[in-house]
Amino acid sequence: MELVSIGFGSYVAPGKLVAAVEPESNPIKRVISQAKEAGRLVDATYGRKTEAVLIMESGHVILAPVSPEELSGRMRQEGGPSHD
């Protein structure tokens, strides 16, 4: 299984990633809140600013300290799928 770094020693499986979005919109804030309530939220920011919200196939939501653009670049470098 290939993994892509999302910063600070944390990795995700690019094949399981459904979406990488910026966290500012109200609908995404609701997704984060609902995931937290359901126990499906993973905070991988290590206290840094959340730059991307990763939505996984399993329904888990991951808060990442790297932007969606940076994550996309890392996926391209490491041979993961790109969804342009």
PDB file of N, CA and C in Angstrom:
ATOM      1  N   MET A   1       0.847  -1.172   0.000  1.00  0.00           N
ATOM      2  CA  MET A   1       0.000   0.000   0.000  1.00  0.00           C
ATOM      3  C   MET A   1       0.896   1.241   0.000  1.00  0.00           C
ATOM      4  N   GLU A   2       0.642   2.131  -0.920  1.00  0.00           N
ATOM      5  CA  GLU A   2       1.400   3.374  -0.982  1.00  0.00           C
ATOM      6  C   GLU A   2       0.825   4.381   0.009  1.00  0.00           C
ATOM      7  N   LEU A   3       1.714   5.163   0.586  1.00  0.00           N
ATOM      8  CA  LEU A   3       1.313   6.203   1.520  1.00  0.00           C
ATOM      9  C   LEU A   3       1.935   7.520   1.096  1.00  0.00           C
ATOM     10  N   VAL A   4       1.216   8.613   1.374  1.00  0.00           N
ATOM     11  CA  VAL A   4       1.692   9.958   1.071  1.00  0.00           C
ATOM     12  C   VAL A   4       1.736  10.751   2.366  1.00  0.00           C
ATOM     13  N   SER A   5       2.829  11.466   2.572  1.00  0.00           N
ATOM     14  CA  SER A   5       3.002  12.251   3.787  1.00  0.00           C
ATOM     15  C   SER A   5       2.047  13.444   3.815  1.00  0.00           C
ATOM     16  N   ILE A   6       1.418  13.627   4.977  1.00  0.00           N
ATOM     17  CA  ILE A   6       0.602  14.826   5.174  1.00  0.00           C
ATOM     18  C   ILE A   6       1.230  15.715   6.236  1.00  0.00           C
ATOM     19  N   GLY A   7       2.482  15.410   6.581  1.00  0.00           N
ATOM     20  CA  GLY A   7       3.226  16.249   7.510  1.00  0.00           C
ATOM     21  C   GLY A   7       3.365  15.654   8.891  1.00  0.00           C
ATOM     22  N   PHE A   8       4.489  15.980   9.550  1.00  0.00           N
ATOM     23  CA  PHE A   8       4.760  15.595  10.934  1.00  0.00           C
ATOM     24  C   PHE A   8       4.689  14.090  11.162  1.00  0.00           C
ATOM     25  N   GLY A   9       5.158  13.325  10.190  1.00  0.00           N
ATOM     26  CA  GLY A   9       5.195  11.875  10.346  1.00  0.00           C
ATOM     27  C   GLY A   9       3.863  11.182  10.150  1.00  0.00           C
ATOM     28  N   SER A  10       2.880  11.884   9.611  1.00  0.00           N
ATOM     29  CA  SER A  10       1.562  11.296   9.353  1.00  0.00           C
ATOM     30  C   SER A  10       1.406  11.028   7.864  1.00  0.00           C
ATOM     31  N   TYR A  11       0.737   9.941   7.537  1.00  0.00           N
ATOM     32  CA  TYR A  11       0.583   9.524   6.147  1.00  0.00           C
ATOM     33  C   TYR A  11      -0.855   9.108   5.880  1.00  0.00           C
ATOM     34  N   VAL A  12      -1.271   9.208   4.607  1.00  0.00           N
ATOM     35  CA  VAL A  12      -2.575   8.702   4.177  1.00  0.00           C
ATOM     36  C   VAL A  12      -2.373   7.826   2.945  1.00  0.00           C
ATOM     37  N   ALA A  13      -3.313   6.923   2.736  1.00  0.00           N
ATOM     38  CA  ALA A  13      -3.315   6.087   1.540  1.00  0.00           C
ATOM     39  C   ALA A  13      -4.050   6.848   0.440  1.00  0.00           C
ATOM     40  N   PRO A  14      -3.351   7.258  -0.621  1.00  0.00           N
ATOM     41  CA  PRO A  14      -4.000   8.070  -1.653  1.00  0.00           C
ATOM     42  C   PRO A  14      -5.174   7.375  -2.335  1.00  0.00           C
ATOM     43  N   GLY A  15      -5.155   6.047  -2.403  1.00  0.00           N
ATOM     44  CA  GLY A  15      -6.255   5.322  -3.021  1.00  0.00           C
ATOM     45  C   GLY A  15      -7.542   5.365  -2.211  1.00  0.00           C
ATOM     46  N   LYS A  16      -7.443   5.745  -0.946  1.00  0.00           N
ATOM     47  CA  LYS A  16      -8.617   5.818  -0.059  1.00  0.00           C
ATOM     48  C   LYS A  16      -9.119   7.249   0.116  1.00  0.00           C
ATOM     49  N   LEU A  17      -8.430   8.202  -0.493  1.00  0.00           N
ATOM     50  CA  LEU A  17      -8.787   9.612  -0.361  1.00  0.00           C
ATOM     51  C   LEU A  17      -9.894   9.972  -1.349  1.00  0.00           C
ATOM     52  N   VAL A  18     -10.985  10.512  -0.840  1.00  0.00           N
ATOM     53  CA  VAL A  18     -12.111  10.922  -1.683  1.00  0.00           C
ATOM     54  C   VAL A  18     -11.973  12.388  -2.071  1.00  0.00           C
ATOM     55  N   ALA A  19     -11.596  13.244  -1.098  1.00  0.00           N
ATOM     56  CA  ALA A  19     -11.493  14.676  -1.363  1.00  0.00           C
ATOM     57  C   ALA A  19     -10.504  15.323  -0.409  1.00  0.00           C
ATOM     58  N   ALA A  20      -9.835  16.357  -0.917  1.00  0.00           N
ATOM     59  CA  ALA A  20      -8.964  17.201  -0.088  1.00  0.00           C
ATOM     60  C   ALA A  20      -9.437  18.628  -0.329  1.00  0.00           C
ATOM     61  N   VAL A  21      -9.993  19.249   0.697  1.00  0.00           N
ATOM     62  CA  VAL A  21     -10.605  20.567   0.546  1.00  0.00           C
ATOM     63  C   VAL A  21     -10.074  21.537   1.590  1.00  0.00           C
ATOM     64  N   GLU A  22     -10.241  22.812   1.323  1.00  0.00           N
ATOM     65  CA  GLU A  22      -9.849  23.836   2.287  1.00  0.00           C
ATOM     66  C   GLU A  22     -10.915  23.919   3.380  1.00  0.00           C
ATOM     67  N   PRO A  23     -10.519  24.260   4.596  1.00  0.00           N
ATOM     68  CA  PRO A  23     -11.430  24.150   5.744  1.00  0.00           C
ATOM     69  C   PRO A  23     -12.332  25.350   6.025  1.00  0.00           C
ATOM     70  N   GLU A  24     -12.295  26.382   5.200  1.00  0.00           N
ATOM     71  CA  GLU A  24     -12.974  27.625   5.571  1.00  0.00           C
ATOM     72  C   GLU A  24     -14.484  27.659   5.369  1.00  0.00           C
ATOM     73  N   SER A  25     -15.035  26.860   4.463  1.00  0.00           N
ATOM     74  CA  SER A  25     -16.458  26.995   4.159  1.00  0.00           C
ATOM     75  C   SER A  25     -17.330  26.395   5.266  1.00  0.00           C
ATOM     76  N   ASN A  26     -18.521  26.926   5.404  1.00  0.00           N
ATOM     77  CA  ASN A  26     -19.452  26.427   6.425  1.00  0.00           C
ATOM     78  C   ASN A  26     -19.831  24.961   6.218  1.00  0.00           C
ATOM     79  N   PRO A  27     -20.074  24.498   4.976  1.00  0.00           N
ATOM     80  CA  PRO A  27     -20.377  23.076   4.810  1.00  0.00           C
ATOM     81  C   PRO A  27     -19.237  22.164   5.282  1.00  0.00           C
ATOM     82  N   ILE A  28     -18.002  22.553   5.044  1.00  0.00           N
ATOM     83  CA  ILE A  28     -16.865  21.743   5.493  1.00  0.00           C
ATOM     84  C   ILE A  28     -16.743  21.809   7.012  1.00  0.00           C
ATOM     85  N   LYS A  29     -17.015  22.955   7.590  1.00  0.00           N
ATOM     86  CA  LYS A  29     -17.008  23.061   9.050  1.00  0.00           C
ATOM     87  C   LYS A  29     -18.053  22.127   9.661  1.00  0.00           C
ATOM     88  N   ARG A  30     -19.208  21.984   8.994  1.00  0.00           N
ATOM     89  CA  ARG A  30     -20.245  21.062   9.468  1.00  0.00           C
ATOM     90  C   ARG A  30     -19.770  19.611   9.353  1.00  0.00           C
ATOM     91  N   VAL A  31     -19.080  19.294   8.240  1.00  0.00           N
ATOM     92  CA  VAL A  31     -18.533  17.941   8.061  1.00  0.00           C
ATOM     93  C   VAL A  31     -17.562  17.625   9.196  1.00  0.00           C
ATOM     94  N   ILE A  32     -16.706  18.584   9.543  1.00  0.00           N
ATOM     95  CA  ILE A  32     -15.745  18.397  10.632  1.00  0.00           C
ATOM     96  C   ILE A  32     -16.479  18.159  11.954  1.00  0.00           C
ATOM     97  N   SER A  33     -17.486  18.978  12.226  1.00  0.00           N
ATOM     98  CA  SER A  33     -18.252  18.863  13.466  1.00  0.00           C
ATOM     99  C   SER A  33     -18.958  17.510  13.562  1.00  0.00           C
ATOM    100  N   GLN A  34     -19.575  17.083  12.471  1.00  0.00           N
ATOM    101  CA  GLN A  34     -20.277  15.800  12.462  1.00  0.00           C
ATOM    102  C   GLN A  34     -19.309  14.639  12.652  1.00  0.00           C
ATOM    103  N   ALA A  35     -18.132  14.724  12.022  1.00  0.00           N
ATOM    104  CA  ALA A  35     -17.130  13.665  12.173  1.00  0.00           C
ATOM    105  C   ALA A  35     -16.636  13.592  13.619  1.00  0.00           C
ATOM    106  N   LYS A  36     -16.468  14.749  14.239  1.00  0.00           N
ATOM    107  CA  LYS A  36     -16.017  14.781  15.634  1.00  0.00           C
ATOM    108  C   LYS A  36     -17.047  14.112  16.540  1.00  0.00           C
ATOM    109  N   GLU A  37     -18.318  14.452  16.333  1.00  0.00           N
ATOM    110  CA  GLU A  37     -19.389  13.867  17.133  1.00  0.00           C
ATOM    111  C   GLU A  37     -19.469  12.355  16.949  1.00  0.00           C
ATOM    112  N   ALA A  38     -19.177  11.883  15.724  1.00  0.00           N
ATOM    113  CA  ALA A  38     -19.281  10.455  15.414  1.00  0.00           C
ATOM    114  C   ALA A  38     -17.997   9.688  15.733  1.00  0.00           C
ATOM    115  N   GLY A  39     -16.966  10.386  16.183  1.00  0.00           N
ATOM    116  CA  GLY A  39     -15.707   9.728  16.501  1.00  0.00           C
ATOM    117  C   GLY A  39     -14.892   9.353  15.281  1.00  0.00           C
ATOM    118  N   ARG A  40     -15.108  10.054  14.174  1.00  0.00           N
ATOM    119  CA  ARG A  40     -14.400   9.770  12.923  1.00  0.00           C
ATOM    120  C   ARG A  40     -13.426  10.871  12.536  1.00  0.00           C
ATOM    121  N   LEU A  41     -13.110  11.782  13.453  1.00  0.00           N
ATOM    122  CA  LEU A  41     -12.206  12.892  13.164  1.00  0.00           C
ATOM    123  C   LEU A  41     -10.800  12.554  13.638  1.00  0.00           C
ATOM    124  N   VAL A  42      -9.821  12.762  12.753  1.00  0.00           N
ATOM    125  CA  VAL A  42      -8.414  12.566  13.087  1.00  0.00           C
ATOM    126  C   VAL A  42      -7.718  13.905  12.896  1.00  0.00           C
ATOM    127  N   ASP A  43      -7.151  14.432  13.974  1.00  0.00           N
ATOM    128  CA  ASP A  43      -6.438  15.706  13.902  1.00  0.00           C
ATOM    129  C   ASP A  43      -4.947  15.416  13.763  1.00  0.00           C
ATOM    130  N   ALA A  44      -4.421  15.594  12.559  1.00  0.00           N
ATOM    131  CA  ALA A  44      -3.004  15.336  12.283  1.00  0.00           C
ATOM    132  C   ALA A  44      -2.217  16.634  12.158  1.00  0.00           C
ATOM    133  N   THR A  45      -2.734  17.720  12.735  1.00  0.00           N
ATOM    134  CA  THR A  45      -2.078  19.023  12.600  1.00  0.00           C
ATOM    135  C   THR A  45      -0.993  19.264  13.643  1.00  0.00           C
ATOM    136  N   TYR A  46      -1.015  18.515  14.727  1.00  0.00           N
ATOM    137  CA  TYR A  46      -0.047  18.709  15.814  1.00  0.00           C
ATOM    138  C   TYR A  46      -0.014  20.160  16.278  1.00  0.00           C
ATOM    139  N   GLY A  47      -1.204  20.752  16.396  1.00  0.00           N
ATOM    140  CA  GLY A  47      -1.324  22.111  16.897  1.00  0.00           C
ATOM    141  C   GLY A  47      -1.119  23.201  15.862  1.00  0.00           C
ATOM    142  N   ARG A  48      -0.797  22.830  14.641  1.00  0.00           N
ATOM    143  CA  ARG A  48      -0.609  23.820  13.574  1.00  0.00           C
ATOM    144  C   ARG A  48      -1.967  24.168  12.973  1.00  0.00           C
ATOM    145  N   LYS A  49      -1.981  25.157  12.118  1.00  0.00           N
ATOM    146  CA  LYS A  49      -3.198  25.566  11.434  1.00  0.00           C
ATOM    147  C   LYS A  49      -3.649  24.463  10.468  1.00  0.00           C
ATOM    148  N   THR A  50      -4.945  24.193  10.451  1.00  0.00           N
ATOM    149  CA  THR A  50      -5.503  23.232   9.503  1.00  0.00           C
ATOM    150  C   THR A  50      -5.528  23.871   8.124  1.00  0.00           C
ATOM    151  N   GLU A  51      -4.804  23.289   7.196  1.00  0.00           N
ATOM    152  CA  GLU A  51      -4.741  23.796   5.824  1.00  0.00           C
ATOM    153  C   GLU A  51      -5.621  22.989   4.868  1.00  0.00           C
ATOM    154  N   ALA A  52      -5.884  21.719   5.227  1.00  0.00           N
ATOM    155  CA  ALA A  52      -6.708  20.863   4.369  1.00  0.00           C
ATOM    156  C   ALA A  52      -7.535  19.927   5.229  1.00  0.00           C
ATOM    157  N   VAL A  53      -8.706  19.613   4.717  1.00  0.00           N
ATOM    158  CA  VAL A  53      -9.576  18.613   5.326  1.00  0.00           C
ATOM    159  C   VAL A  53      -9.638  17.459   4.331  1.00  0.00           C
ATOM    160  N   LEU A  54      -9.202  16.287   4.779  1.00  0.00           N
ATOM    161  CA  LEU A  54      -9.171  15.111   3.924  1.00  0.00           C
ATOM    162  C   LEU A  54     -10.353  14.221   4.267  1.00  0.00           C
ATOM    163  N   ILE A  55     -11.132  13.887   3.270  1.00  0.00           N
ATOM    164  CA  ILE A  55     -12.294  13.026   3.464  1.00  0.00           C
ATOM    165  C   ILE A  55     -11.938  11.671   2.851  1.00  0.00           C
ATOM    166  N   MET A  56     -12.009  10.649   3.683  1.00  0.00           N
ATOM    167  CA  MET A  56     -11.586   9.319   3.279  1.00  0.00           C
ATOM    168  C   MET A  56     -12.779   8.443   2.920  1.00  0.00           C
ATOM    169  N   GLU A  57     -12.533   7.367   2.159  1.00  0.00           N
ATOM    170  CA  GLU A  57     -13.589   6.434   1.766  1.00  0.00           C
ATOM    171  C   GLU A  57     -14.356   5.882   2.966  1.00  0.00           C
ATOM    172  N   SER A  58     -13.660   5.679   4.059  1.00  0.00           N
ATOM    173  CA  SER A  58     -14.263   5.087   5.257  1.00  0.00           C
ATOM    174  C   SER A  58     -15.200   6.042   5.991  1.00  0.00           C
ATOM    175  N   GLY A  59     -15.208   7.319   5.564  1.00  0.00           N
ATOM    176  CA  GLY A  59     -16.011   8.318   6.253  1.00  0.00           C
ATOM    177  C   GLY A  59     -15.220   9.084   7.293  1.00  0.00           C
ATOM    178  N   HIS A  60     -13.973   8.700   7.506  1.00  0.00           N
ATOM    179  CA  HIS A  60     -13.117   9.448   8.426  1.00  0.00           C
ATOM    180  C   HIS A  60     -12.749  10.783   7.806  1.00  0.00           C
ATOM    181  N   VAL A  61     -12.558  11.764   8.656  1.00  0.00           N
ATOM    182  CA  VAL A  61     -12.170  13.110   8.240  1.00  0.00           C
ATOM    183  C   VAL A  61     -10.844  13.411   8.935  1.00  0.00           C
ATOM    184  N   ILE A  62      -9.848  13.803   8.139  1.00  0.00           N
ATOM    185  CA  ILE A  62      -8.511  14.067   8.669  1.00  0.00           C
ATOM    186  C   ILE A  62      -8.185  15.543   8.486  1.00  0.00           C
ATOM    187  N   LEU A  63      -7.770  16.189   9.566  1.00  0.00           N
ATOM    188  CA  LEU A  63      -7.323  17.578   9.506  1.00  0.00           C
ATOM    189  C   LEU A  63      -5.821  17.550   9.269  1.00  0.00           C
ATOM    190  N   ALA A  64      -5.375  18.204   8.196  1.00  0.00           N
ATOM    191  CA  ALA A  64      -3.966  18.150   7.808  1.00  0.00           C
ATOM    192  C   ALA A  64      -3.339  19.540   7.799  1.00  0.00           C
ATOM    193  N   PRO A  65      -2.040  19.615   8.128  1.00  0.00           N
ATOM    194  CA  PRO A  65      -1.344  20.902   8.145  1.00  0.00           C
ATOM    195  C   PRO A  65      -0.777  21.318   6.791  1.00  0.00           C
ATOM    196  N   VAL A  66      -1.070  20.567   5.729  1.00  0.00           N
ATOM    197  CA  VAL A  66      -0.599  20.919   4.386  1.00  0.00           C
ATOM    198  C   VAL A  66      -1.797  21.267   3.519  1.00  0.00           C
ATOM    199  N   SER A  67      -1.601  22.156   2.561  1.00  0.00           N
ATOM    200  CA  SER A  67      -2.704  22.598   1.699  1.00  0.00           C
ATOM    201  C   SER A  67      -3.098  21.486   0.725  1.00  0.00           C
ATOM    202  N   PRO A  68      -4.329  21.546   0.202  1.00  0.00           N
ATOM    203  CA  PRO A  68      -4.737  20.565  -0.811  1.00  0.00           C
ATOM    204  C   PRO A  68      -3.801  20.580  -2.020  1.00  0.00           C
ATOM    205  N   GLU A  69      -3.307  21.757  -2.396  1.00  0.00           N
ATOM    206  CA  GLU A  69      -2.401  21.863  -3.539  1.00  0.00           C
ATOM    207  C   GLU A  69      -1.083  21.149  -3.264  1.00  0.00           C
ATOM    208  N   GLU A  70      -0.551  21.332  -2.056  1.00  0.00           N
ATOM    209  CA  GLU A  70       0.700  20.671  -1.683  1.00  0.00           C
ATOM    210  C   GLU A  70       0.507  19.154  -1.625  1.00  0.00           C
ATOM    211  N   LEU A  71      -0.608  18.715  -1.094  1.00  0.00           N
ATOM    212  CA  LEU A  71      -0.895  17.292  -1.038  1.00  0.00           C
ATOM    213  C   LEU A  71      -1.002  16.710  -2.447  1.00  0.00           C
ATOM    214  N   SER A  72      -1.650  17.419  -3.335  1.00  0.00           N
ATOM    215  CA  SER A  72      -1.771  16.973  -4.718  1.00  0.00           C
ATOM    216  C   SER A  72      -0.395  16.828  -5.370  1.00  0.00           C
ATOM    217  N   GLY A  73       0.478  17.791  -5.120  1.00  0.00           N
ATOM    218  CA  GLY A  73       1.840  17.718  -5.649  1.00  0.00           C
ATOM    219  C   GLY A  73       2.587  16.521  -5.101  1.00  0.00           C
ATOM    220  N   ARG A  74       2.430  16.243  -3.825  1.00  0.00           N
ATOM    221  CA  ARG A  74       3.092  15.081  -3.213  1.00  0.00           C
ATOM    222  C   ARG A  74       2.571  13.788  -3.810  1.00  0.00           C
ATOM    223  N   MET A  75       1.270  13.739  -4.086  1.00  0.00           N
ATOM    224  CA  MET A  75       0.692  12.534  -4.683  1.00  0.00           C
ATOM    225  C   MET A  75       1.235  12.324  -6.087  1.00  0.00           C
ATOM    226  N   ARG A  76       1.400  13.384  -6.841  1.00  0.00           N
ATOM    227  CA  ARG A  76       1.963  13.266  -8.191  1.00  0.00           C
ATOM    228  C   ARG A  76       3.407  12.796  -8.132  1.00  0.00           C
ATOM    229  N   GLN A  77       4.193  13.340  -7.208  1.00  0.00           N
ATOM    230  CA  GLN A  77       5.598  12.958  -7.063  1.00  0.00           C
ATOM    231  C   GLN A  77       5.742  11.488  -6.693  1.00  0.00           C
ATOM    232  N   GLU A  78       4.851  11.013  -5.842  1.00  0.00           N
ATOM    233  CA  GLU A  78       4.971   9.648  -5.347  1.00  0.00           C
ATOM    234  C   GLU A  78       4.143   8.657  -6.167  1.00  0.00           C
ATOM    235  N   GLY A  79       3.591   9.128  -7.296  1.00  0.00           N
ATOM    236  CA  GLY A  79       2.885   8.221  -8.192  1.00  0.00           C
ATOM    237  C   GLY A  79       1.460   7.895  -7.803  1.00  0.00           C
ATOM    238  N   GLY A  80       0.883   8.671  -6.918  1.00  0.00           N
ATOM    239  CA  GLY A  80      -0.495   8.428  -6.499  1.00  0.00           C
ATOM    240  C   GLY A  80      -1.473   8.969  -7.536  1.00  0.00           C
ATOM    241  N   PRO A  81      -2.756   8.694  -7.364  1.00  0.00           N
ATOM    242  CA  PRO A  81      -3.748   9.182  -8.316  1.00  0.00           C
ATOM    243  C   PRO A  81      -3.922  10.685  -8.213  1.00  0.00           C
ATOM    244  N   SER A  82      -4.176  11.311  -9.331  1.00  0.00           N
ATOM    245  CA  SER A  82      -4.498  12.748  -9.314  1.00  0.00           C
ATOM    246  C   SER A  82      -5.891  12.916  -9.863  1.00  0.00           C
ATOM    247  N   HIS A  83      -6.616  13.840  -9.309  1.00  0.00           N
ATOM    248  CA  HIS A  83      -8.019  14.060  -9.679  1.00  0.00           C
ATOM    249  C   HIS A  83      -8.212  15.494 -10.145  1.00  0.00           C
ATOM    250  N   ASP A  84      -7.613  15.844 -11.258  1.00  0.00           N
ATOM    251  CA  ASP A  84      -7.743  17.208 -11.787  1.00  0.00           C
ATOM    252  C   ASP A  84      -8.964  17.368 -12.625  1.00  0.00           C
TER     253      ASP A  84
END
